[in-house]
Amino acid sequence: MTRGPLLRPEPAGAEFLTLLTPPDWGTIFGGAGPLELELGSGAGAFALGYAARHPAVRYVAIEWRKKYARELEHRARARGLTNLRVVEADARAVIPRLFAPGSLSAIHLQFPDPWWKRAHRKRAILTPAFATLLLGLAAQGAAFDLRTDVRSRAEEMLATLEAAGWHNPLGPGRFHPADPDDVPSSRERRYLETGEPVYRARLVKR
């Protein structure tokens, strides 16, 4: 049985992978608007729903699994979402080259792999150094949208973000309630239907 989408032949966002300095996103998207980033878009339900609901937002989704990145790009094109770009790459490797300091209006990180095994923890994306890097790329007032279903990882990531300088409006270590206006990913939608917990935080750069 095939797991996930089939691998499409065309790479997603190949034009961005060789850049050494941030591109002119205004030219790429054909206009100005808030520039937002998603770290690990997975199957892409959130990216598609969010870009459709917020057409003025210029949305960049980065996903290292080729089949998911290419499928998301294909679905975005099929739906005519000109405000969504997909890059198949390791976010940690390309983000410092794709975004200028103070350029991001929001960053989304939803249900990242928990990497249960100690030997695999080095693969976790939200390290102290990376959280600090992202803070530098964020504009004043930018939001960090964090969601996960693993409480221990939620607490760890929240502490990492707060230590890096991201401000929690509800107070250190506090999670945020669900917002009925939020766009849910396919995974979060299942949890909402079954009543299973989702740990959310919406931090800001002051």
C-alpha atoms as a PDB file:
ATOM      1  CA  MET A   1       0.000   0.000   0.000  1.00  0.00           C
ATOM      2  CA  THR A   2       1.321   3.414  -0.973  1.00  0.00           C
ATOM      3  CA  ARG A   3       1.725   5.828   1.916  1.00  0.00           C
ATOM      4  CA  GLY A   4       0.951   9.427   1.103  1.00  0.00           C
ATOM      5  CA  PRO A   5       0.932  10.964  -2.378  1.00  0.00           C
ATOM      6  CA  LEU A   6       2.901   9.616  -5.289  1.00  0.00           C
ATOM      7  CA  LEU A   7       6.163  11.410  -6.085  1.00  0.00           C
ATOM      8  CA  ARG A   8       5.561  13.942  -8.844  1.00  0.00           C
ATOM      9  CA  PRO A   9       8.503  14.495 -11.215  1.00  0.00           C
ATOM     10  CA  GLU A  10       8.849  18.279 -10.950  1.00  0.00           C
ATOM     11  CA  PRO A  11      10.736  19.616  -7.880  1.00  0.00           C
ATOM     12  CA  ALA A  12       8.928  22.210  -5.778  1.00  0.00           C
ATOM     13  CA  GLY A  13      10.628  25.582  -5.584  1.00  0.00           C
ATOM     14  CA  ALA A  14      13.813  24.491  -7.339  1.00  0.00           C
ATOM     15  CA  GLU A  15      14.506  28.114  -8.298  1.00  0.00           C
ATOM     16  CA  PHE A  16      15.025  29.007  -4.628  1.00  0.00           C
ATOM     17  CA  LEU A  17      17.500  26.291  -3.689  1.00  0.00           C
ATOM     18  CA  THR A  18      20.606  27.848  -5.243  1.00  0.00           C
ATOM     19  CA  LEU A  19      20.008  31.391  -3.995  1.00  0.00           C
ATOM     20  CA  LEU A  20      22.650  32.818  -1.694  1.00  0.00           C
ATOM     21  CA  THR A  21      20.711  35.961  -0.753  1.00  0.00           C
ATOM     22  CA  PRO A  22      16.986  36.617  -0.206  1.00  0.00           C
ATOM     23  CA  PRO A  23      14.967  36.998  -3.405  1.00  0.00           C
ATOM     24  CA  ASP A  24      12.685  39.914  -4.184  1.00  0.00           C
ATOM     25  CA  TRP A  25       9.485  38.405  -2.820  1.00  0.00           C
ATOM     26  CA  GLY A  26       7.474  41.321  -4.169  1.00  0.00           C
ATOM     27  CA  THR A  27       8.492  40.359  -7.696  1.00  0.00           C
ATOM     28  CA  ILE A  28       7.941  36.652  -7.081  1.00  0.00           C
ATOM     29  CA  PHE A  29       4.427  37.154  -5.734  1.00  0.00           C
ATOM     30  CA  GLY A  30       3.614  40.064  -7.998  1.00  0.00           C
ATOM     31  CA  GLY A  31       2.981  42.567  -5.250  1.00  0.00           C
ATOM     32  CA  ALA A  32       3.361  43.573  -1.629  1.00  0.00           C
ATOM     33  CA  GLY A  33       1.754  42.037   1.431  1.00  0.00           C
ATOM     34  CA  PRO A  34       2.610  40.224   4.662  1.00  0.00           C
ATOM     35  CA  LEU A  35       5.256  37.549   4.149  1.00  0.00           C
ATOM     36  CA  GLU A  36       4.563  34.394   6.162  1.00  0.00           C
ATOM     37  CA  LEU A  37       6.495  31.154   6.560  1.00  0.00           C
ATOM     38  CA  GLU A  38       5.440  27.608   7.409  1.00  0.00           C
ATOM     39  CA  LEU A  39       8.042  25.180   8.712  1.00  0.00           C
ATOM     40  CA  GLY A  40       7.190  21.660   7.584  1.00  0.00           C
ATOM     41  CA  SER A  41       3.907  21.895   5.697  1.00  0.00           C
ATOM     42  CA  GLY A  42       3.344  18.130   5.538  1.00  0.00           C
ATOM     43  CA  ALA A  43       0.335  17.189   3.424  1.00  0.00           C
ATOM     44  CA  GLY A  44      -0.436  20.901   3.060  1.00  0.00           C
ATOM     45  CA  ALA A  45      -4.040  21.214   4.234  1.00  0.00           C
ATOM     46  CA  PHE A  46      -3.208  24.166   6.461  1.00  0.00           C
ATOM     47  CA  ALA A  47      -1.159  25.959   3.805  1.00  0.00           C
ATOM     48  CA  LEU A  48      -3.910  25.559   1.206  1.00  0.00           C
ATOM     49  CA  GLY A  49      -6.674  26.645   3.561  1.00  0.00           C
ATOM     50  CA  TYR A  50      -4.735  29.561   5.009  1.00  0.00           C
ATOM     51  CA  ALA A  51      -3.583  30.901   1.630  1.00  0.00           C
ATOM     52  CA  ALA A  52      -7.126  30.679   0.288  1.00  0.00           C
ATOM     53  CA  ARG A  53      -8.582  32.512   3.298  1.00  0.00           C
ATOM     54  CA  HIS A  54      -5.875  35.206   3.304  1.00  0.00           C
ATOM     55  CA  PRO A  55      -5.221  36.140  -0.343  1.00  0.00           C
ATOM     56  CA  ALA A  56      -3.253  39.253   0.636  1.00  0.00           C
ATOM     57  CA  VAL A  57      -0.676  37.135   2.496  1.00  0.00           C
ATOM     58  CA  ARG A  58       2.405  35.947   0.640  1.00  0.00           C
ATOM     59  CA  TYR A  59       2.848  32.424   1.994  1.00  0.00           C
ATOM     60  CA  VAL A  60       6.005  30.295   1.748  1.00  0.00           C
ATOM     61  CA  ALA A  61       5.751  26.654   2.824  1.00  0.00           C
ATOM     62  CA  ILE A  62       8.927  24.630   3.314  1.00  0.00           C
ATOM     63  CA  GLU A  63       8.751  20.826   3.421  1.00  0.00           C
ATOM     64  CA  TRP A  64      11.722  18.449   3.192  1.00  0.00           C
ATOM     65  CA  ARG A  65       9.734  15.378   2.065  1.00  0.00           C
ATOM     66  CA  LYS A  66       9.689  15.638  -1.695  1.00  0.00           C
ATOM     67  CA  LYS A  67       6.396  13.873  -2.358  1.00  0.00           C
ATOM     68  CA  TYR A  68       4.496  16.119   0.047  1.00  0.00           C
ATOM     69  CA  ALA A  69       6.145  19.314  -1.179  1.00  0.00           C
ATOM     70  CA  ARG A  70       5.482  18.500  -4.825  1.00  0.00           C
ATOM     71  CA  GLU A  71       1.917  17.434  -4.177  1.00  0.00           C
ATOM     72  CA  LEU A  72       1.248  20.664  -2.279  1.00  0.00           C
ATOM     73  CA  GLU A  73       2.661  22.763  -5.098  1.00  0.00           C
ATOM     74  CA  HIS A  74       0.534  20.844  -7.607  1.00  0.00           C
ATOM     75  CA  ARG A  75      -2.637  21.368  -5.550  1.00  0.00           C
ATOM     76  CA  ALA A  76      -1.855  25.070  -5.069  1.00  0.00           C
ATOM     77  CA  ARG A  77      -1.509  25.552  -8.813  1.00  0.00           C
ATOM     78  CA  ALA A  78      -4.667  23.560  -9.494  1.00  0.00           C
ATOM     79  CA  ARG A  79      -6.587  25.835  -7.117  1.00  0.00           C
ATOM     80  CA  GLY A  80      -5.106  29.011  -8.563  1.00  0.00           C
ATOM     81  CA  LEU A  81      -3.423  30.066  -5.308  1.00  0.00           C
ATOM     82  CA  THR A  82      -0.901  32.542  -6.631  1.00  0.00           C
ATOM     83  CA  ASN A  83      -0.011  33.663  -3.081  1.00  0.00           C
ATOM     84  CA  LEU A  84       1.476  30.283  -2.087  1.00  0.00           C
ATOM     85  CA  ARG A  85       5.006  29.086  -2.867  1.00  0.00           C
ATOM     86  CA  VAL A  86       6.437  25.711  -1.853  1.00  0.00           C
ATOM     87  CA  VAL A  87      10.094  24.836  -1.356  1.00  0.00           C
ATOM     88  CA  GLU A  88      11.254  21.247  -0.924  1.00  0.00           C
ATOM     89  CA  ALA A  89      14.265  21.576   1.344  1.00  0.00           C
ATOM     90  CA  ASP A  90      15.593  21.355   4.878  1.00  0.00           C
ATOM     91  CA  ALA A  91      14.237  24.537   6.442  1.00  0.00           C
ATOM     92  CA  ARG A  92      17.314  24.984   8.612  1.00  0.00           C
ATOM     93  CA  ALA A  93      19.535  25.061   5.525  1.00  0.00           C
ATOM     94  CA  VAL A  94      17.578  27.435   3.292  1.00  0.00           C
ATOM     95  CA  ILE A  95      15.777  29.850   5.613  1.00  0.00           C
ATOM     96  CA  PRO A  96      18.875  31.944   6.447  1.00  0.00           C
ATOM     97  CA  ARG A  97      19.354  32.490   2.711  1.00  0.00           C
ATOM     98  CA  LEU A  98      15.745  33.088   1.690  1.00  0.00           C
ATOM     99  CA  PHE A  99      14.594  35.667   4.221  1.00  0.00           C
ATOM    100  CA  ALA A 100      16.036  38.996   5.272  1.00  0.00           C
ATOM    101  CA  PRO A 101      16.101  40.130   8.906  1.00  0.00           C
ATOM    102  CA  GLY A 102      12.774  41.608   9.957  1.00  0.00           C
ATOM    103  CA  SER A 103      10.936  40.411   6.858  1.00  0.00           C
ATOM    104  CA  LEU A 104       8.520  37.782   8.223  1.00  0.00           C
ATOM    105  CA  SER A 105       5.083  38.767   9.497  1.00  0.00           C
ATOM    106  CA  ALA A 106       4.273  35.313  10.883  1.00  0.00           C
ATOM    107  CA  ILE A 107       5.832  31.872  11.306  1.00  0.00           C
ATOM    108  CA  HIS A 108       3.795  28.681  11.531  1.00  0.00           C
ATOM    109  CA  LEU A 109       5.021  25.400  13.038  1.00  0.00           C
ATOM    110  CA  GLN A 110       2.373  22.730  13.356  1.00  0.00           C
ATOM    111  CA  PHE A 111       2.670  19.169  14.634  1.00  0.00           C
ATOM    112  CA  PRO A 112       6.411  18.732  14.012  1.00  0.00           C
ATOM    113  CA  ASP A 113       7.849  15.235  14.299  1.00  0.00           C
ATOM    114  CA  PRO A 114       8.389  14.530  18.019  1.00  0.00           C
ATOM    115  CA  TRP A 115      11.505  12.383  17.415  1.00  0.00           C
ATOM    116  CA  TRP A 116      10.860  10.070  20.348  1.00  0.00           C
ATOM    117  CA  LYS A 117      14.250   8.332  20.236  1.00  0.00           C
ATOM    118  CA  ARG A 118      17.087  10.155  21.962  1.00  0.00           C
ATOM    119  CA  ALA A 119      19.434   9.430  19.054  1.00  0.00           C
ATOM    120  CA  HIS A 120      17.043  11.208  16.715  1.00  0.00           C
ATOM    121  CA  ARG A 121      16.469  14.318  18.798  1.00  0.00           C
ATOM    122  CA  LYS A 122      19.162  16.134  16.831  1.00  0.00           C
ATOM    123  CA  ARG A 123      16.653  16.213  13.956  1.00  0.00           C
ATOM    124  CA  ALA A 124      14.206  18.363  15.938  1.00  0.00           C
ATOM    125  CA  ILE A 125      13.849  21.673  14.148  1.00  0.00           C
ATOM    126  CA  LEU A 126      13.231  24.056  17.028  1.00  0.00           C
ATOM    127  CA  THR A 127      16.629  24.295  18.681  1.00  0.00           C
ATOM    128  CA  PRO A 128      17.617  27.334  20.782  1.00  0.00           C
ATOM    129  CA  ALA A 129      19.840  28.599  17.963  1.00  0.00           C
ATOM    130  CA  PHE A 130      17.112  28.224  15.334  1.00  0.00           C
ATOM    131  CA  ALA A 131      14.493  29.894  17.549  1.00  0.00           C
ATOM    132  CA  THR A 132      16.853  32.863  17.918  1.00  0.00           C
ATOM    133  CA  LEU A 133      17.475  32.948  14.163  1.00  0.00           C
ATOM    134  CA  LEU A 134      13.736  33.017  13.476  1.00  0.00           C
ATOM    135  CA  LEU A 135      13.265  35.862  15.936  1.00  0.00           C
ATOM    136  CA  GLY A 136      15.819  37.877  13.975  1.00  0.00           C
ATOM    137  CA  LEU A 137      14.006  37.217  10.697  1.00  0.00           C
ATOM    138  CA  ALA A 138      10.654  38.273  12.181  1.00  0.00           C
ATOM    139  CA  ALA A 139       9.297  41.797  11.968  1.00  0.00           C
ATOM    140  CA  GLN A 140       8.241  43.706  15.059  1.00  0.00           C
ATOM    141  CA  GLY A 141       4.828  42.399  16.098  1.00  0.00           C
ATOM    142  CA  ALA A 142       5.245  39.182  14.113  1.00  0.00           C
ATOM    143  CA  ALA A 143       3.462  36.079  15.413  1.00  0.00           C
ATOM    144  CA  PHE A 144       4.776  32.582  16.007  1.00  0.00           C
ATOM    145  CA  ASP A 145       1.955  30.057  15.632  1.00  0.00           C
ATOM    146  CA  LEU A 146       2.849  26.770  17.365  1.00  0.00           C
ATOM    147  CA  ARG A 147       0.607  23.693  17.551  1.00  0.00           C
ATOM    148  CA  THR A 148       1.297  20.092  18.563  1.00  0.00           C
ATOM    149  CA  ASP A 149      -0.457  17.123  20.121  1.00  0.00           C
ATOM    150  CA  VAL A 150       2.524  16.057  22.269  1.00  0.00           C
ATOM    151  CA  ARG A 151       2.474  17.874  25.609  1.00  0.00           C
ATOM    152  CA  SER A 152       6.121  17.221  26.538  1.00  0.00           C
ATOM    153  CA  ARG A 153       7.323  18.563  23.203  1.00  0.00           C
ATOM    154  CA  ALA A 154       4.905  21.483  23.446  1.00  0.00           C
ATOM    155  CA  GLU A 155       6.333  22.488  26.808  1.00  0.00           C
ATOM    156  CA  GLU A 156       9.887  22.113  25.538  1.00  0.00           C
ATOM    157  CA  MET A 157       9.317  24.109  22.362  1.00  0.00           C
ATOM    158  CA  LEU A 158       7.423  26.827  24.190  1.00  0.00           C
ATOM    159  CA  ALA A 159      10.261  27.181  26.687  1.00  0.00           C
ATOM    160  CA  THR A 160      12.783  27.330  23.838  1.00  0.00           C
ATOM    161  CA  LEU A 161      10.883  30.092  22.052  1.00  0.00           C
ATOM    162  CA  GLU A 162      10.411  32.137  25.214  1.00  0.00           C
ATOM    163  CA  ALA A 163      14.095  31.791  26.106  1.00  0.00           C
ATOM    164  CA  ALA A 164      15.005  33.040  22.628  1.00  0.00           C
ATOM    165  CA  GLY A 165      12.995  36.220  23.183  1.00  0.00           C
ATOM    166  CA  TRP A 166       9.554  35.407  21.789  1.00  0.00           C
ATOM    167  CA  HIS A 167       6.911  36.937  24.056  1.00  0.00           C
ATOM    168  CA  ASN A 168       3.999  34.900  25.396  1.00  0.00           C
ATOM    169  CA  PRO A 169       1.065  37.298  25.967  1.00  0.00           C
ATOM    170  CA  LEU A 170      -0.561  34.868  28.410  1.00  0.00           C
ATOM    171  CA  GLY A 171       2.560  34.488  30.527  1.00  0.00           C
ATOM    172  CA  PRO A 172       5.559  32.146  30.473  1.00  0.00           C
ATOM    173  CA  GLY A 173       4.689  28.517  29.855  1.00  0.00           C
ATOM    174  CA  ARG A 174       1.008  29.200  29.192  1.00  0.00           C
ATOM    175  CA  PHE A 175      -0.765  27.583  26.257  1.00  0.00           C
ATOM    176  CA  HIS A 176      -3.453  29.338  24.260  1.00  0.00           C
ATOM    177  CA  PRO A 177      -7.065  28.217  23.761  1.00  0.00           C
ATOM    178  CA  ALA A 178      -8.336  27.259  20.349  1.00  0.00           C
ATOM    179  CA  ASP A 179      -9.501  30.139  18.191  1.00  0.00           C
ATOM    180  CA  PRO A 180     -12.672  29.298  16.235  1.00  0.00           C
ATOM    181  CA  ASP A 181     -11.354  31.437  13.369  1.00  0.00           C
ATOM    182  CA  ASP A 182      -8.143  29.407  13.049  1.00  0.00           C
ATOM    183  CA  VAL A 183      -7.576  27.340   9.924  1.00  0.00           C
ATOM    184  CA  PRO A 184      -7.063  23.728  11.060  1.00  0.00           C
ATOM    185  CA  SER A 185      -4.742  21.296   9.356  1.00  0.00           C
ATOM    186  CA  SER A 186      -6.195  17.893   8.459  1.00  0.00           C
ATOM    187  CA  ARG A 187      -4.544  16.467  11.563  1.00  0.00           C
ATOM    188  CA  GLU A 188      -5.919  19.149  13.868  1.00  0.00           C
ATOM    189  CA  ARG A 189      -9.364  18.728  12.355  1.00  0.00           C
ATOM    190  CA  ARG A 190      -9.338  15.073  13.413  1.00  0.00           C
ATOM    191  CA  TYR A 191      -8.394  16.046  16.956  1.00  0.00           C
ATOM    192  CA  LEU A 192     -11.136  18.651  17.090  1.00  0.00           C
ATOM    193  CA  GLU A 193     -13.651  16.007  16.054  1.00  0.00           C
ATOM    194  CA  THR A 194     -12.451  13.420  18.589  1.00  0.00           C
ATOM    195  CA  GLY A 195     -11.809  15.862  21.435  1.00  0.00           C
ATOM    196  CA  GLU A 196      -8.143  14.917  21.775  1.00  0.00           C
ATOM    197  CA  PRO A 197      -5.918  17.706  23.146  1.00  0.00           C
ATOM    198  CA  VAL A 198      -3.946  20.094  20.981  1.00  0.00           C
ATOM    199  CA  TYR A 199      -1.395  22.363  22.648  1.00  0.00           C
ATOM    200  CA  ARG A 200      -1.243  25.800  21.065  1.00  0.00           C
ATOM    201  CA  ALA A 201       0.865  28.891  21.595  1.00  0.00           C
ATOM    202  CA  ARG A 202       0.752  32.209  19.764  1.00  0.00           C
ATOM    203  CA  LEU A 203       3.829  34.186  20.635  1.00  0.00           C
ATOM    204  CA  VAL A 204       4.857  37.600  19.345  1.00  0.00           C
ATOM    205  CA  LYS A 205       8.022  39.571  18.723  1.00  0.00           C
ATOM    206  CA  ARG A 206       7.875  42.712  20.809  1.00  0.00           C
END
